[in-house]
């Protein structure tokens, strides 16, 4: 917990030992900026507890800090609304980096958690990361703008408002992005972006 104090000199930490206790905390405190949770808690199934907590405080970003490091579990946590997933084996610097990324409005997942098992998309080149970068570079400028906002966890209406286009136009762009990246849903696209390769390509193109 002392590690969290490095985020800000005046940070206040509220603790809970169970998901139901955490729900009570977030419902009773109005100015919470970030929630960190472990998937393994004594009172609930891992993802049921995470889902209930997200429902209780949908406006507060959640980061999972867990010993569970299976890629399928990372993706499921992001699908349930987590903005970050950090293994407990990560270094202090990696944890702080991840928390800061989420506080800045981005999704954060270490590349190491995404490189195991199946790739974010079928990789045919020697380097999946390089292959992903080439795919992102091939997107149109508007698609890259939508993709960056998608990677930040923004909804279609939020993307539409930020770019000054209709929600229907956003849906068309997202469908094209999914086809171009070879992924089946927006969660996989966001996880691919969070791995770093996509954001590097977007930054280089601006």
N, C-alpha and C. Protein backbone atom coordinates (compact mmCIF):
# COMPACT_ATOMS: atom_id res chain seq x y z
N UNK A 1 0.81 -1.20 0.00
CA UNK A 1 0.00 0.00 0.00
C UNK A 1 0.86 1.27 0.00
N UNK A 2 2.04 1.17 0.60
CA UNK A 2 2.93 2.34 0.60
C UNK A 2 3.30 2.74 -0.81
N UNK A 3 3.31 1.75 -1.71
CA UNK A 3 3.66 2.04 -3.10
C UNK A 3 2.67 3.03 -3.71
N UNK A 4 1.41 2.96 -3.32
CA UNK A 4 0.39 3.86 -3.87
C UNK A 4 0.66 5.31 -3.49
N UNK A 5 1.34 5.51 -2.39
CA UNK A 5 1.63 6.88 -1.94
C UNK A 5 2.61 7.59 -2.87
N UNK A 6 3.32 6.82 -3.70
CA UNK A 6 4.23 7.46 -4.66
C UNK A 6 3.47 8.16 -5.78
N UNK A 7 2.19 7.85 -5.92
CA UNK A 7 1.39 8.49 -6.96
C UNK A 7 1.14 9.96 -6.65
N UNK A 8 1.02 10.27 -5.34
CA UNK A 8 0.73 11.64 -4.91
C UNK A 8 1.06 11.74 -3.43
N UNK A 9 1.65 12.86 -3.04
CA UNK A 9 2.04 13.05 -1.65
C UNK A 9 0.85 13.04 -0.70
N UNK A 10 -0.34 13.43 -1.21
CA UNK A 10 -1.51 13.53 -0.35
C UNK A 10 -2.53 12.42 -0.59
N UNK A 11 -2.09 11.32 -1.20
CA UNK A 11 -3.01 10.24 -1.49
C UNK A 11 -3.57 9.64 -0.20
N UNK A 12 -4.86 9.33 -0.20
CA UNK A 12 -5.50 8.67 0.93
C UNK A 12 -5.93 7.28 0.50
N UNK A 13 -5.59 6.27 1.28
CA UNK A 13 -5.87 4.89 0.92
C UNK A 13 -6.99 4.34 1.80
N UNK A 14 -8.03 3.81 1.17
CA UNK A 14 -9.13 3.15 1.86
C UNK A 14 -9.03 1.66 1.56
N UNK A 15 -9.08 0.82 2.57
CA UNK A 15 -8.88 -0.61 2.38
C UNK A 15 -10.13 -1.42 2.67
N UNK A 16 -10.26 -2.56 1.98
CA UNK A 16 -11.34 -3.51 2.21
C UNK A 16 -10.79 -4.91 2.00
N UNK A 17 -11.26 -5.86 2.78
CA UNK A 17 -10.75 -7.23 2.69
C UNK A 17 -11.63 -8.15 1.85
N UNK A 18 -12.85 -7.67 1.51
CA UNK A 18 -13.76 -8.47 0.71
C UNK A 18 -14.43 -7.57 -0.32
N UNK A 19 -14.97 -8.19 -1.37
CA UNK A 19 -15.63 -7.41 -2.40
C UNK A 19 -16.83 -6.66 -1.86
N UNK A 20 -17.61 -7.29 -0.95
CA UNK A 20 -18.78 -6.59 -0.43
C UNK A 20 -18.37 -5.38 0.41
N UNK A 21 -17.25 -5.49 1.13
CA UNK A 21 -16.74 -4.34 1.88
C UNK A 21 -16.29 -3.24 0.92
N UNK A 22 -15.67 -3.63 -0.18
CA UNK A 22 -15.22 -2.66 -1.17
C UNK A 22 -16.41 -1.93 -1.79
N UNK A 23 -17.49 -2.67 -2.05
CA UNK A 23 -18.69 -2.04 -2.59
C UNK A 23 -19.23 -0.97 -1.64
N UNK A 24 -19.25 -1.28 -0.34
CA UNK A 24 -19.74 -0.32 0.65
C UNK A 24 -18.87 0.93 0.67
N UNK A 25 -17.56 0.73 0.54
CA UNK A 25 -16.63 1.87 0.55
C UNK A 25 -16.90 2.79 -0.63
N UNK A 26 -16.98 2.21 -1.83
CA UNK A 26 -17.13 3.06 -3.02
C UNK A 26 -18.50 3.72 -3.08
N UNK A 27 -19.52 3.08 -2.48
CA UNK A 27 -20.85 3.70 -2.46
C UNK A 27 -20.92 4.83 -1.43
N UNK A 28 -20.04 4.75 -0.42
CA UNK A 28 -20.11 5.73 0.66
C UNK A 28 -19.15 6.89 0.54
N UNK A 29 -18.20 6.81 -0.41
CA UNK A 29 -17.21 7.88 -0.59
C UNK A 29 -17.34 8.43 -2.00
N UNK A 30 -17.47 9.73 -2.12
CA UNK A 30 -17.78 10.34 -3.42
C UNK A 30 -16.57 10.74 -4.25
N UNK A 31 -15.40 10.81 -3.64
CA UNK A 31 -14.25 11.35 -4.38
C UNK A 31 -13.11 10.35 -4.54
N UNK A 32 -13.45 9.09 -4.78
CA UNK A 32 -12.42 8.08 -5.04
C UNK A 32 -11.95 8.21 -6.49
N UNK A 33 -10.64 8.22 -6.69
CA UNK A 33 -10.07 8.39 -8.03
C UNK A 33 -9.70 7.07 -8.69
N UNK A 34 -9.41 6.04 -7.89
CA UNK A 34 -8.92 4.78 -8.45
C UNK A 34 -9.21 3.63 -7.50
N UNK A 35 -9.58 2.49 -8.06
CA UNK A 35 -9.80 1.28 -7.28
C UNK A 35 -8.80 0.23 -7.73
N UNK A 36 -8.09 -0.38 -6.80
CA UNK A 36 -7.24 -1.52 -7.12
C UNK A 36 -7.80 -2.74 -6.40
N UNK A 37 -7.91 -3.86 -7.12
CA UNK A 37 -8.48 -5.07 -6.54
C UNK A 37 -7.65 -6.29 -6.91
N UNK A 38 -7.74 -7.30 -6.07
CA UNK A 38 -7.20 -8.61 -6.38
C UNK A 38 -8.38 -9.47 -6.81
N UNK A 39 -8.21 -10.29 -7.83
CA UNK A 39 -9.31 -11.16 -8.24
C UNK A 39 -9.62 -12.21 -7.19
N UNK A 40 -8.63 -12.58 -6.40
CA UNK A 40 -8.82 -13.63 -5.39
C UNK A 40 -9.19 -12.98 -4.07
N UNK A 41 -10.49 -12.98 -3.76
CA UNK A 41 -11.01 -12.42 -2.51
C UNK A 41 -11.85 -13.51 -1.83
N UNK A 42 -11.96 -13.49 -0.50
CA UNK A 42 -12.59 -14.60 0.22
C UNK A 42 -14.10 -14.73 0.07
N UNK A 43 -14.79 -13.70 -0.37
CA UNK A 43 -16.26 -13.75 -0.33
C UNK A 43 -16.92 -13.92 -1.68
N UNK A 44 -16.15 -14.07 -2.77
CA UNK A 44 -16.78 -14.05 -4.08
C UNK A 44 -15.92 -14.76 -5.12
N UNK A 45 -16.61 -15.25 -6.15
CA UNK A 45 -15.89 -15.73 -7.31
C UNK A 45 -15.17 -14.54 -7.94
N UNK A 46 -13.98 -14.75 -8.50
CA UNK A 46 -13.15 -13.62 -8.97
C UNK A 46 -13.88 -12.63 -9.86
N UNK A 47 -14.49 -13.11 -10.93
CA UNK A 47 -15.07 -12.18 -11.89
C UNK A 47 -16.44 -11.67 -11.47
N UNK A 48 -17.16 -12.45 -10.66
CA UNK A 48 -18.43 -11.97 -10.14
C UNK A 48 -18.21 -10.77 -9.24
N UNK A 49 -17.18 -10.85 -8.42
CA UNK A 49 -16.86 -9.73 -7.53
C UNK A 49 -16.44 -8.50 -8.29
N UNK A 50 -15.62 -8.68 -9.32
CA UNK A 50 -15.17 -7.55 -10.13
C UNK A 50 -16.36 -6.90 -10.84
N UNK A 51 -17.24 -7.73 -11.40
CA UNK A 51 -18.41 -7.20 -12.08
C UNK A 51 -19.32 -6.41 -11.15
N UNK A 52 -19.52 -6.94 -9.93
CA UNK A 52 -20.38 -6.25 -8.95
C UNK A 52 -19.76 -4.92 -8.54
N UNK A 53 -18.45 -4.90 -8.39
CA UNK A 53 -17.78 -3.66 -8.00
C UNK A 53 -17.87 -2.62 -9.10
N UNK A 54 -17.75 -3.06 -10.35
CA UNK A 54 -17.87 -2.12 -11.47
C UNK A 54 -19.29 -1.56 -11.55
N UNK A 55 -20.27 -2.40 -11.25
CA UNK A 55 -21.66 -1.93 -11.26
C UNK A 55 -21.90 -0.91 -10.16
N UNK A 56 -21.24 -1.12 -9.01
CA UNK A 56 -21.42 -0.22 -7.88
C UNK A 56 -20.77 1.13 -8.12
N UNK A 57 -19.69 1.15 -8.90
CA UNK A 57 -18.96 2.41 -9.13
C UNK A 57 -18.47 2.47 -10.57
N UNK A 58 -19.38 2.58 -11.54
CA UNK A 58 -18.98 2.54 -12.96
C UNK A 58 -18.12 3.71 -13.39
N UNK A 59 -18.14 4.80 -12.61
CA UNK A 59 -17.39 5.99 -12.99
C UNK A 59 -15.94 5.97 -12.49
N UNK A 60 -15.60 5.01 -11.64
CA UNK A 60 -14.26 4.96 -11.06
C UNK A 60 -13.42 3.90 -11.77
N UNK A 61 -12.25 4.25 -12.30
CA UNK A 61 -11.41 3.26 -12.97
C UNK A 61 -10.91 2.20 -12.01
N UNK A 62 -10.90 0.95 -12.48
CA UNK A 62 -10.46 -0.18 -11.67
C UNK A 62 -9.23 -0.82 -12.29
N UNK A 63 -8.24 -1.11 -11.45
CA UNK A 63 -7.04 -1.83 -11.87
C UNK A 63 -6.97 -3.13 -11.09
N UNK A 64 -6.80 -4.23 -11.79
CA UNK A 64 -6.64 -5.53 -11.14
C UNK A 64 -5.15 -5.76 -10.86
N UNK A 65 -4.83 -6.03 -9.61
CA UNK A 65 -3.48 -6.43 -9.20
C UNK A 65 -3.60 -7.86 -8.71
N UNK A 66 -3.06 -8.82 -9.45
CA UNK A 66 -3.36 -10.21 -9.13
C UNK A 66 -2.19 -11.15 -9.42
N UNK A 67 -2.19 -12.28 -8.72
CA UNK A 67 -1.22 -13.34 -9.01
C UNK A 67 -1.65 -14.14 -10.22
N UNK A 68 -2.92 -14.01 -10.63
CA UNK A 68 -3.42 -14.70 -11.81
C UNK A 68 -2.88 -14.01 -13.05
N UNK A 69 -2.19 -14.76 -13.90
CA UNK A 69 -1.53 -14.14 -15.06
C UNK A 69 -1.91 -14.81 -16.37
N UNK A 70 -3.06 -15.46 -16.42
CA UNK A 70 -3.49 -16.09 -17.66
C UNK A 70 -4.10 -15.06 -18.60
N UNK A 71 -3.73 -15.11 -19.86
CA UNK A 71 -4.19 -14.12 -20.83
C UNK A 71 -5.71 -14.08 -20.91
N UNK A 72 -6.35 -15.25 -20.86
CA UNK A 72 -7.82 -15.27 -20.96
C UNK A 72 -8.46 -14.53 -19.79
N UNK A 73 -7.82 -14.59 -18.61
CA UNK A 73 -8.36 -13.89 -17.45
C UNK A 73 -8.15 -12.39 -17.57
N UNK A 74 -7.03 -12.00 -18.17
CA UNK A 74 -6.78 -10.57 -18.41
C UNK A 74 -7.85 -10.00 -19.32
N UNK A 75 -8.12 -10.69 -20.42
CA UNK A 75 -9.12 -10.21 -21.37
C UNK A 75 -10.50 -10.16 -20.73
N UNK A 76 -10.83 -11.18 -19.93
CA UNK A 76 -12.15 -11.18 -19.29
C UNK A 76 -12.29 -10.01 -18.32
N UNK A 77 -11.22 -9.70 -17.59
CA UNK A 77 -11.26 -8.57 -16.66
C UNK A 77 -11.48 -7.25 -17.40
N UNK A 78 -10.82 -7.09 -18.56
CA UNK A 78 -11.01 -5.88 -19.35
C UNK A 78 -12.43 -5.83 -19.90
N UNK A 79 -12.96 -6.98 -20.31
CA UNK A 79 -14.34 -7.03 -20.81
C UNK A 79 -15.34 -6.62 -19.73
N UNK A 80 -15.02 -6.92 -18.47
CA UNK A 80 -15.89 -6.56 -17.36
C UNK A 80 -15.73 -5.11 -16.92
N UNK A 81 -14.80 -4.40 -17.56
CA UNK A 81 -14.68 -2.98 -17.28
C UNK A 81 -13.42 -2.54 -16.58
N UNK A 82 -12.52 -3.47 -16.25
CA UNK A 82 -11.25 -3.06 -15.65
C UNK A 82 -10.45 -2.24 -16.65
N UNK A 83 -9.80 -1.19 -16.18
CA UNK A 83 -8.99 -0.34 -17.05
C UNK A 83 -7.53 -0.73 -17.06
N UNK A 84 -7.16 -1.64 -16.16
CA UNK A 84 -5.78 -2.09 -16.10
C UNK A 84 -5.68 -3.45 -15.46
N UNK A 85 -4.61 -4.17 -15.79
CA UNK A 85 -4.36 -5.50 -15.21
C UNK A 85 -2.86 -5.62 -15.01
N UNK A 86 -2.43 -5.72 -13.76
CA UNK A 86 -1.01 -5.74 -13.44
C UNK A 86 -0.70 -6.97 -12.57
N UNK A 87 0.26 -7.79 -12.96
CA UNK A 87 0.61 -8.94 -12.12
C UNK A 87 1.32 -8.49 -10.85
N UNK A 88 1.08 -9.21 -9.76
CA UNK A 88 1.73 -8.85 -8.50
C UNK A 88 3.24 -9.06 -8.55
N UNK A 89 3.68 -9.85 -9.52
CA UNK A 89 5.11 -10.08 -9.67
C UNK A 89 5.81 -8.91 -10.37
N UNK A 90 5.06 -7.93 -10.82
CA UNK A 90 5.65 -6.77 -11.50
C UNK A 90 6.51 -5.97 -10.53
N UNK A 91 7.47 -5.24 -11.07
CA UNK A 91 8.31 -4.39 -10.24
C UNK A 91 7.51 -3.19 -9.76
N UNK A 92 8.02 -2.52 -8.75
CA UNK A 92 7.35 -1.32 -8.24
C UNK A 92 7.20 -0.27 -9.34
N UNK A 93 8.22 -0.14 -10.17
CA UNK A 93 8.17 0.85 -11.25
C UNK A 93 7.08 0.50 -12.26
N UNK A 94 6.94 -0.79 -12.58
CA UNK A 94 5.92 -1.21 -13.53
C UNK A 94 4.51 -0.97 -12.97
N UNK A 95 4.34 -1.24 -11.68
CA UNK A 95 3.03 -1.04 -11.06
C UNK A 95 2.66 0.43 -11.08
N UNK A 96 3.59 1.29 -10.69
CA UNK A 96 3.31 2.73 -10.68
C UNK A 96 3.04 3.22 -12.10
N UNK A 97 3.80 2.75 -13.07
CA UNK A 97 3.57 3.14 -14.47
C UNK A 97 2.16 2.77 -14.90
N UNK A 98 1.74 1.54 -14.57
CA UNK A 98 0.42 1.09 -14.95
C UNK A 98 -0.68 1.92 -14.31
N UNK A 99 -0.53 2.21 -13.03
CA UNK A 99 -1.53 3.01 -12.33
C UNK A 99 -1.62 4.42 -12.90
N UNK A 100 -0.48 5.00 -13.22
CA UNK A 100 -0.48 6.35 -13.81
C UNK A 100 -1.15 6.33 -15.19
N UNK A 101 -0.90 5.28 -15.97
CA UNK A 101 -1.53 5.18 -17.28
C UNK A 101 -3.05 5.16 -17.16
N UNK A 102 -3.55 4.40 -16.20
CA UNK A 102 -5.00 4.32 -15.99
C UNK A 102 -5.55 5.66 -15.49
N UNK A 103 -4.84 6.29 -14.56
CA UNK A 103 -5.28 7.59 -14.07
C UNK A 103 -5.32 8.63 -15.19
N UNK A 104 -4.48 8.43 -16.22
CA UNK A 104 -4.47 9.33 -17.37
C UNK A 104 -5.56 8.99 -18.38
N UNK A 105 -6.35 7.94 -18.09
CA UNK A 105 -7.47 7.60 -18.96
C UNK A 105 -7.21 6.50 -19.96
N UNK A 106 -6.07 5.80 -19.84
CA UNK A 106 -5.74 4.74 -20.78
C UNK A 106 -5.97 3.36 -20.17
N UNK A 107 -6.08 2.36 -21.03
CA UNK A 107 -6.08 0.97 -20.59
C UNK A 107 -4.62 0.51 -20.51
N UNK A 108 -4.28 -0.20 -19.43
CA UNK A 108 -2.89 -0.66 -19.27
C UNK A 108 -2.85 -2.16 -19.01
N UNK A 109 -2.11 -2.86 -19.85
CA UNK A 109 -1.83 -4.28 -19.65
C UNK A 109 -0.39 -4.52 -20.09
N UNK A 110 0.46 -5.09 -19.24
CA UNK A 110 1.85 -5.35 -19.64
C UNK A 110 1.91 -6.28 -20.84
N UNK A 111 2.84 -6.05 -21.72
CA UNK A 111 2.98 -6.89 -22.91
C UNK A 111 3.19 -8.35 -22.55
N UNK A 112 3.87 -8.61 -21.44
CA UNK A 112 4.18 -9.99 -21.06
C UNK A 112 2.92 -10.82 -20.86
N UNK A 113 1.84 -10.19 -20.40
CA UNK A 113 0.59 -10.92 -20.19
C UNK A 113 -0.14 -11.20 -21.49
N UNK A 114 0.16 -10.45 -22.53
CA UNK A 114 -0.51 -10.63 -23.81
C UNK A 114 0.27 -11.50 -24.77
N UNK A 115 1.52 -11.77 -24.46
CA UNK A 115 2.37 -12.53 -25.37
C UNK A 115 2.23 -14.02 -25.18
N UNK A 116 1.59 -14.45 -24.07
CA UNK A 116 1.44 -15.88 -23.80
C UNK A 116 0.22 -16.42 -24.52
N UNK A 117 0.25 -17.69 -24.82
CA UNK A 117 -0.91 -18.33 -25.43
C UNK A 117 -1.21 -17.76 -26.80
N UNK A 118 -2.51 -17.64 -27.10
CA UNK A 118 -2.90 -17.13 -28.40
C UNK A 118 -2.58 -15.65 -28.50
N UNK A 119 -2.23 -15.19 -29.68
CA UNK A 119 -1.91 -13.78 -29.87
C UNK A 119 -3.19 -12.98 -29.97
N UNK A 120 -3.06 -11.66 -29.87
CA UNK A 120 -4.22 -10.80 -29.99
C UNK A 120 -4.85 -10.96 -31.38
N UNK A 121 -4.05 -11.34 -32.35
CA UNK A 121 -4.53 -11.68 -33.68
C UNK A 121 -3.59 -12.76 -34.19
N UNK A 122 -4.01 -13.61 -35.13
CA UNK A 122 -3.10 -14.63 -35.64
C UNK A 122 -1.86 -13.99 -36.23
N UNK A 123 -0.70 -14.41 -35.76
CA UNK A 123 0.55 -13.80 -36.21
C UNK A 123 1.21 -14.69 -37.26
N UNK A 124 1.50 -14.16 -38.44
CA UNK A 124 2.14 -14.93 -39.48
C UNK A 124 3.58 -14.47 -39.70
N UNK A 125 3.98 -13.37 -39.12
CA UNK A 125 5.33 -12.86 -39.28
C UNK A 125 6.18 -13.28 -38.10
N UNK A 126 7.52 -13.20 -38.21
CA UNK A 126 8.37 -13.57 -37.08
C UNK A 126 8.12 -12.72 -35.84
N UNK A 127 7.68 -11.52 -36.03
CA UNK A 127 7.42 -10.64 -34.89
C UNK A 127 5.98 -10.18 -34.92
N UNK A 128 5.15 -10.70 -33.95
CA UNK A 128 3.74 -10.30 -33.90
C UNK A 128 3.61 -8.81 -33.62
N UNK A 129 4.49 -8.27 -32.77
CA UNK A 129 4.41 -6.85 -32.44
C UNK A 129 4.65 -5.99 -33.68
N UNK A 130 5.67 -6.36 -34.46
CA UNK A 130 5.96 -5.60 -35.67
C UNK A 130 4.82 -5.73 -36.67
N UNK A 131 4.24 -6.92 -36.73
CA UNK A 131 3.12 -7.15 -37.63
C UNK A 131 1.92 -6.29 -37.22
N UNK A 132 1.64 -6.23 -35.91
CA UNK A 132 0.55 -5.39 -35.42
C UNK A 132 0.79 -3.92 -35.74
N UNK A 133 2.04 -3.48 -35.59
CA UNK A 133 2.36 -2.08 -35.89
C UNK A 133 2.07 -1.75 -37.35
N UNK A 134 2.43 -2.68 -38.23
CA UNK A 134 2.18 -2.44 -39.66
C UNK A 134 0.68 -2.33 -39.94
N UNK A 135 -0.11 -3.16 -39.25
CA UNK A 135 -1.56 -3.10 -39.45
C UNK A 135 -2.13 -1.77 -38.97
N UNK A 136 -1.64 -1.29 -37.83
CA UNK A 136 -2.14 -0.01 -37.31
C UNK A 136 -1.71 1.13 -38.22
N UNK A 137 -0.48 1.06 -38.72
CA UNK A 137 0.01 2.12 -39.60
C UNK A 137 -0.81 2.20 -40.88
N UNK A 138 -1.44 1.07 -41.26
CA UNK A 138 -2.23 1.04 -42.49
C UNK A 138 -3.63 1.63 -42.31
N UNK A 139 -4.03 1.89 -41.06
CA UNK A 139 -5.33 2.50 -40.82
C UNK A 139 -5.34 3.93 -41.36
N UNK A 140 -6.53 4.42 -41.70
CA UNK A 140 -6.64 5.82 -42.09
C UNK A 140 -6.43 6.70 -40.86
N UNK A 141 -6.21 7.99 -41.07
CA UNK A 141 -5.97 8.89 -39.96
C UNK A 141 -7.18 8.92 -39.01
N UNK A 142 -8.39 8.95 -39.57
CA UNK A 142 -9.58 8.97 -38.73
C UNK A 142 -9.71 7.67 -37.95
N UNK A 143 -9.39 6.54 -38.59
CA UNK A 143 -9.45 5.26 -37.89
C UNK A 143 -8.45 5.22 -36.74
N UNK A 144 -7.29 5.82 -36.94
CA UNK A 144 -6.29 5.87 -35.87
C UNK A 144 -6.80 6.71 -34.71
N UNK A 145 -7.51 7.79 -35.01
CA UNK A 145 -8.07 8.63 -33.95
C UNK A 145 -9.13 7.86 -33.16
N UNK A 146 -9.97 7.13 -33.87
CA UNK A 146 -10.99 6.31 -33.20
C UNK A 146 -10.31 5.22 -32.37
N UNK A 147 -9.28 4.62 -32.94
CA UNK A 147 -8.57 3.53 -32.26
C UNK A 147 -7.92 4.01 -30.97
N UNK A 148 -7.34 5.21 -30.99
CA UNK A 148 -6.72 5.74 -29.78
C UNK A 148 -7.76 5.93 -28.68
N UNK A 149 -8.92 6.46 -29.03
CA UNK A 149 -9.98 6.67 -28.04
C UNK A 149 -10.55 5.33 -27.57
N UNK A 150 -10.64 4.37 -28.47
CA UNK A 150 -11.08 3.02 -28.11
C UNK A 150 -10.13 2.42 -27.09
N UNK A 151 -8.83 2.64 -27.28
CA UNK A 151 -7.82 2.12 -26.37
C UNK A 151 -7.91 2.75 -24.99
N UNK A 152 -8.54 3.93 -24.91
CA UNK A 152 -8.72 4.60 -23.63
C UNK A 152 -9.99 4.13 -22.92
N UNK A 153 -10.69 3.18 -23.53
CA UNK A 153 -11.89 2.63 -22.92
C UNK A 153 -13.13 3.46 -23.14
N UNK A 154 -13.10 4.40 -24.09
CA UNK A 154 -14.25 5.26 -24.32
C UNK A 154 -15.35 4.53 -25.07
N UNK A 155 -16.59 4.87 -24.78
CA UNK A 155 -17.74 4.27 -25.45
C UNK A 155 -17.95 4.92 -26.81
N UNK A 156 -18.80 4.32 -27.63
CA UNK A 156 -19.09 4.90 -28.94
C UNK A 156 -19.63 6.33 -28.85
N UNK A 157 -20.60 6.61 -27.97
CA UNK A 157 -21.08 7.99 -27.86
C UNK A 157 -19.98 8.97 -27.43
N UNK A 158 -19.10 8.53 -26.53
CA UNK A 158 -18.01 9.41 -26.09
C UNK A 158 -17.05 9.69 -27.23
N UNK A 159 -16.75 8.66 -28.02
CA UNK A 159 -15.86 8.85 -29.18
C UNK A 159 -16.52 9.80 -30.18
N UNK A 160 -17.81 9.61 -30.39
CA UNK A 160 -18.53 10.46 -31.34
C UNK A 160 -18.48 11.92 -30.91
N UNK A 161 -18.71 12.17 -29.62
CA UNK A 161 -18.69 13.55 -29.12
C UNK A 161 -17.30 14.15 -29.27
N UNK A 162 -16.28 13.38 -28.94
CA UNK A 162 -14.92 13.92 -28.98
C UNK A 162 -14.47 14.24 -30.40
N UNK A 163 -14.91 13.42 -31.36
CA UNK A 163 -14.48 13.63 -32.75
C UNK A 163 -15.47 14.45 -33.56
N UNK A 164 -16.63 14.74 -32.98
CA UNK A 164 -17.62 15.54 -33.69
C UNK A 164 -18.29 14.81 -34.84
N UNK A 165 -18.49 13.50 -34.67
CA UNK A 165 -19.15 12.70 -35.70
C UNK A 165 -20.33 11.97 -35.06
N UNK A 166 -21.12 11.28 -35.86
CA UNK A 166 -22.26 10.54 -35.33
C UNK A 166 -21.81 9.20 -34.76
N UNK A 167 -22.63 8.65 -33.86
CA UNK A 167 -22.34 7.33 -33.29
C UNK A 167 -22.35 6.26 -34.38
N UNK A 168 -23.20 6.44 -35.39
CA UNK A 168 -23.25 5.51 -36.51
C UNK A 168 -21.92 5.50 -37.26
N UNK A 169 -21.34 6.68 -37.46
CA UNK A 169 -20.04 6.77 -38.13
C UNK A 169 -18.96 6.08 -37.31
N UNK A 170 -19.02 6.24 -35.99
CA UNK A 170 -18.05 5.58 -35.12
C UNK A 170 -18.16 4.07 -35.25
N UNK A 171 -19.39 3.55 -35.29
CA UNK A 171 -19.58 2.10 -35.43
C UNK A 171 -18.98 1.59 -36.73
N UNK A 172 -19.14 2.38 -37.80
CA UNK A 172 -18.57 1.98 -39.09
C UNK A 172 -17.04 1.94 -39.00
N UNK A 173 -16.44 2.97 -38.37
CA UNK A 173 -14.98 3.00 -38.22
C UNK A 173 -14.49 1.82 -37.38
N UNK A 174 -15.19 1.52 -36.29
CA UNK A 174 -14.76 0.43 -35.42
C UNK A 174 -14.84 -0.91 -36.15
N UNK A 175 -15.89 -1.11 -36.92
CA UNK A 175 -16.01 -2.35 -37.70
C UNK A 175 -14.83 -2.49 -38.67
N UNK A 176 -14.46 -1.38 -39.31
CA UNK A 176 -13.33 -1.40 -40.24
C UNK A 176 -12.02 -1.66 -39.51
N UNK A 177 -11.88 -1.08 -38.31
CA UNK A 177 -10.66 -1.28 -37.52
C UNK A 177 -10.52 -2.74 -37.11
N UNK A 178 -11.61 -3.34 -36.66
CA UNK A 178 -11.57 -4.75 -36.24
C UNK A 178 -11.17 -5.64 -37.40
N UNK A 179 -11.74 -5.37 -38.58
CA UNK A 179 -11.38 -6.18 -39.76
C UNK A 179 -9.90 -6.00 -40.10
N UNK A 180 -9.43 -4.75 -40.05
CA UNK A 180 -8.04 -4.47 -40.42
C UNK A 180 -7.05 -5.12 -39.46
N UNK A 181 -7.40 -5.16 -38.17
CA UNK A 181 -6.48 -5.70 -37.16
C UNK A 181 -6.63 -7.21 -36.98
N UNK A 182 -7.67 -7.78 -37.58
CA UNK A 182 -7.86 -9.22 -37.47
C UNK A 182 -8.34 -9.66 -36.10
N UNK A 183 -9.11 -8.81 -35.42
CA UNK A 183 -9.66 -9.17 -34.11
C UNK A 183 -11.18 -9.19 -34.23
N UNK A 184 -11.84 -9.84 -33.25
CA UNK A 184 -13.27 -10.06 -33.38
C UNK A 184 -14.12 -9.09 -32.58
N UNK A 185 -13.53 -8.35 -31.63
CA UNK A 185 -14.34 -7.41 -30.85
C UNK A 185 -13.48 -6.25 -30.36
N UNK A 186 -14.14 -5.22 -29.83
CA UNK A 186 -13.45 -4.01 -29.40
C UNK A 186 -12.55 -4.27 -28.21
N UNK A 187 -12.89 -5.25 -27.38
CA UNK A 187 -12.03 -5.56 -26.23
C UNK A 187 -10.67 -6.06 -26.69
N UNK A 188 -10.66 -6.96 -27.67
CA UNK A 188 -9.39 -7.46 -28.19
C UNK A 188 -8.59 -6.33 -28.83
N UNK A 189 -9.28 -5.42 -29.50
CA UNK A 189 -8.58 -4.27 -30.10
C UNK A 189 -7.98 -3.38 -29.03
N UNK A 190 -8.73 -3.15 -27.94
CA UNK A 190 -8.23 -2.32 -26.85
C UNK A 190 -7.05 -2.98 -26.16
N UNK A 191 -7.12 -4.29 -25.97
CA UNK A 191 -6.01 -5.02 -25.35
C UNK A 191 -4.78 -4.97 -26.23
N UNK A 192 -4.97 -5.11 -27.54
CA UNK A 192 -3.85 -5.00 -28.47
C UNK A 192 -3.20 -3.63 -28.34
N UNK A 193 -4.03 -2.59 -28.28
CA UNK A 193 -3.49 -1.23 -28.13
C UNK A 193 -2.77 -1.08 -26.81
N UNK A 194 -3.32 -1.66 -25.75
CA UNK A 194 -2.72 -1.54 -24.43
C UNK A 194 -1.38 -2.23 -24.34
N UNK A 195 -1.11 -3.18 -25.24
CA UNK A 195 0.17 -3.89 -25.22
C UNK A 195 1.32 -2.99 -25.61
N UNK A 196 1.00 -1.83 -26.18
CA UNK A 196 2.04 -0.85 -26.46
C UNK A 196 2.36 -0.67 -27.93
N UNK A 197 2.30 -1.75 -28.71
CA UNK A 197 2.71 -1.65 -30.11
C UNK A 197 1.81 -0.71 -30.88
N UNK A 198 0.51 -0.77 -30.61
CA UNK A 198 -0.41 0.07 -31.37
C UNK A 198 -0.24 1.53 -31.00
N UNK A 199 -0.08 1.82 -29.70
CA UNK A 199 0.09 3.20 -29.28
C UNK A 199 1.38 3.79 -29.85
N UNK A 200 2.44 2.97 -29.94
CA UNK A 200 3.69 3.46 -30.52
C UNK A 200 3.47 3.86 -31.98
N UNK A 201 2.69 3.02 -32.71
CA UNK A 201 2.45 3.33 -34.10
C UNK A 201 1.63 4.59 -34.24
N UNK A 202 0.63 4.74 -33.38
CA UNK A 202 -0.23 5.93 -33.47
C UNK A 202 0.60 7.17 -33.18
N UNK A 203 1.42 7.14 -32.14
CA UNK A 203 2.22 8.30 -31.78
C UNK A 203 3.18 8.68 -32.92
N UNK A 204 3.75 7.64 -33.56
CA UNK A 204 4.71 7.91 -34.63
C UNK A 204 4.03 8.53 -35.83
N UNK A 205 2.72 8.27 -35.98
CA UNK A 205 2.02 8.76 -37.16
C UNK A 205 1.49 10.17 -37.00
N UNK A 206 1.47 10.69 -35.77
CA UNK A 206 0.88 12.01 -35.54
C UNK A 206 1.86 13.12 -35.90
